[in-house]
Amino acid sequence: MAGPSQSAILGAVLLAAACGGSSASSHMPPQDAARAQAAIRAADAAGAHSDPQAAMYLGFAKQSASKANNLTKSGDKESANLLIGDAKADADLSLALTKQQQAQAKVQAAKQRLEMP
């Protein structure tokens, strides 16, 4: 079951994705794709692969970015724009989950240090 902070993170990311998706235009600005790729790299560099949920969302992000790239090449810019927004949201969620897991590990380590005689 998701804790309150995980639910809040998920809600915020989903809201951001929904807001971004509703303003999609028929043209995908290159900076949107670059932001999505940067978010993917950030999640990867933070160690998203070490947390199963974070790794799953990172995989979704990579798949969406790849599909968006293919759609852009085939001329379907509107669908590509929506997918790149999904990719960024999934990468952001992956990074947030990774940071949450790392913070929880630090808390656990600190608790163990305090319990030592």
Protein backbone atom coordinates (compact mmCIF):
# COMPACT_ATOMS: atom_id res chain seq x y z
CA MET A 1 0.00 0.00 0.00
CA ALA A 2 1.37 3.43 -0.88
CA GLY A 3 2.26 5.75 1.97
CA PRO A 4 0.95 9.31 2.12
CA SER A 5 4.10 10.82 0.62
CA GLN A 6 4.19 8.32 -2.24
CA SER A 7 0.52 9.00 -2.98
CA ALA A 8 1.16 12.74 -2.96
CA ILE A 9 4.09 12.34 -5.37
CA LEU A 10 2.06 10.15 -7.69
CA GLY A 11 -0.88 12.59 -7.60
CA ALA A 12 1.33 15.57 -8.36
CA VAL A 13 3.03 13.83 -11.27
CA LEU A 14 -0.27 12.64 -12.72
CA LEU A 15 -1.76 16.11 -12.40
CA ALA A 16 1.25 17.62 -14.15
CA ALA A 17 0.96 15.08 -16.95
CA ALA A 18 -2.75 15.77 -17.36
CA CYS A 19 -2.22 19.51 -17.49
CA GLY A 20 0.63 19.17 -19.95
CA GLY A 21 -1.34 16.80 -22.16
CA SER A 22 -4.33 19.09 -22.44
CA SER A 23 -2.28 21.86 -23.98
CA ALA A 24 -0.67 19.72 -26.65
CA SER A 25 -0.24 21.43 -29.96
CA SER A 26 0.26 19.91 -33.37
CA HIS A 27 3.95 20.73 -33.13
CA MET A 28 6.41 19.34 -30.61
CA PRO A 29 8.99 21.91 -29.56
CA PRO A 30 12.47 20.36 -29.50
CA GLN A 31 12.97 21.56 -25.93
CA ASP A 32 10.11 19.29 -24.78
CA ALA A 33 11.91 16.22 -26.11
CA ALA A 34 15.16 17.48 -24.59
CA ARG A 35 13.48 17.96 -21.20
CA ALA A 36 12.07 14.44 -21.32
CA GLN A 37 15.47 13.00 -22.23
CA ALA A 38 17.10 15.00 -19.42
CA ALA A 39 14.52 13.66 -16.95
CA ILE A 40 15.21 10.11 -18.15
CA ARG A 41 18.97 10.62 -17.72
CA ALA A 42 18.44 12.10 -14.25
CA ALA A 43 16.37 9.12 -13.09
CA ASP A 44 18.91 6.73 -14.59
CA ALA A 45 21.82 8.53 -12.93
CA ALA A 46 20.04 8.62 -9.56
CA GLY A 47 19.83 4.83 -9.58
CA ALA A 48 16.23 4.20 -10.59
CA HIS A 49 17.23 0.70 -11.64
CA SER A 50 17.72 -0.22 -7.95
CA ASP A 51 14.05 0.25 -7.05
CA PRO A 52 11.50 -1.96 -8.84
CA GLN A 53 8.77 0.70 -9.08
CA ALA A 54 11.20 3.41 -10.16
CA ALA A 55 12.72 1.06 -12.74
CA MET A 56 9.26 0.27 -14.10
CA TYR A 57 8.41 3.97 -14.59
CA LEU A 58 11.82 4.62 -16.10
CA GLY A 59 11.10 1.85 -18.60
CA PHE A 60 7.75 3.44 -19.41
CA ALA A 61 9.49 6.78 -19.93
CA LYS A 62 12.05 5.29 -22.29
CA GLN A 63 9.34 3.48 -24.27
CA SER A 64 7.22 6.63 -24.59
CA ALA A 65 10.21 8.71 -25.67
CA SER A 66 11.14 6.14 -28.30
CA LYS A 67 7.57 5.96 -29.61
CA ALA A 68 7.38 9.76 -29.67
CA ASN A 69 10.54 9.90 -31.73
CA ASN A 70 9.11 7.41 -34.23
CA LEU A 71 5.81 9.30 -34.42
CA THR A 72 7.66 12.57 -35.03
CA LYS A 73 9.55 10.98 -37.92
CA SER A 74 6.30 9.67 -39.41
CA GLY A 75 4.66 13.11 -39.12
CA ASP A 76 2.24 12.47 -36.26
CA LYS A 77 3.45 15.39 -34.17
CA GLU A 78 0.34 15.68 -31.99
CA SER A 79 0.59 12.09 -30.76
CA ALA A 80 4.35 12.50 -30.36
CA ASN A 81 3.80 15.59 -28.23
CA LEU A 82 1.41 13.70 -25.95
CA LEU A 83 3.83 10.79 -25.60
CA ILE A 84 6.78 13.04 -24.82
CA GLY A 85 4.71 14.56 -22.01
CA ASP A 86 4.03 11.05 -20.74
CA ALA A 87 7.73 10.22 -20.97
CA LYS A 88 8.68 13.27 -18.90
CA ALA A 89 6.01 12.53 -16.28
CA ASP A 90 7.10 8.89 -15.99
CA ALA A 91 10.77 9.88 -15.72
CA ASP A 92 9.94 12.48 -13.07
CA LEU A 93 7.97 9.88 -11.11
CA SER A 94 10.83 7.42 -11.44
CA LEU A 95 13.25 9.99 -10.05
CA ALA A 96 10.90 10.89 -7.18
CA LEU A 97 10.44 7.22 -6.25
CA THR A 98 14.20 6.70 -6.37
CA LYS A 99 14.83 9.66 -4.09
CA GLN A 100 12.11 8.49 -1.72
CA GLN A 101 13.64 5.01 -1.51
CA GLN A 102 17.10 6.49 -0.91
CA ALA A 103 15.76 8.77 1.82
CA GLN A 104 14.00 5.86 3.50
CA ALA A 105 17.26 3.88 3.42
CA LYS A 106 19.10 6.80 5.07
CA VAL A 107 16.43 7.05 7.77
CA GLN A 108 16.69 3.32 8.43
CA ALA A 109 20.49 3.54 8.66
CA ALA A 110 20.25 6.47 11.06
CA LYS A 111 17.78 4.57 13.24
CA GLN A 112 20.13 1.61 13.36
CA ARG A 113 23.06 3.86 14.38
CA LEU A 114 20.99 5.34 17.19
CA GLU A 115 20.05 1.90 18.47
CA MET A 116 23.68 0.76 18.69
CA PRO A 117 25.21 0.89 22.20
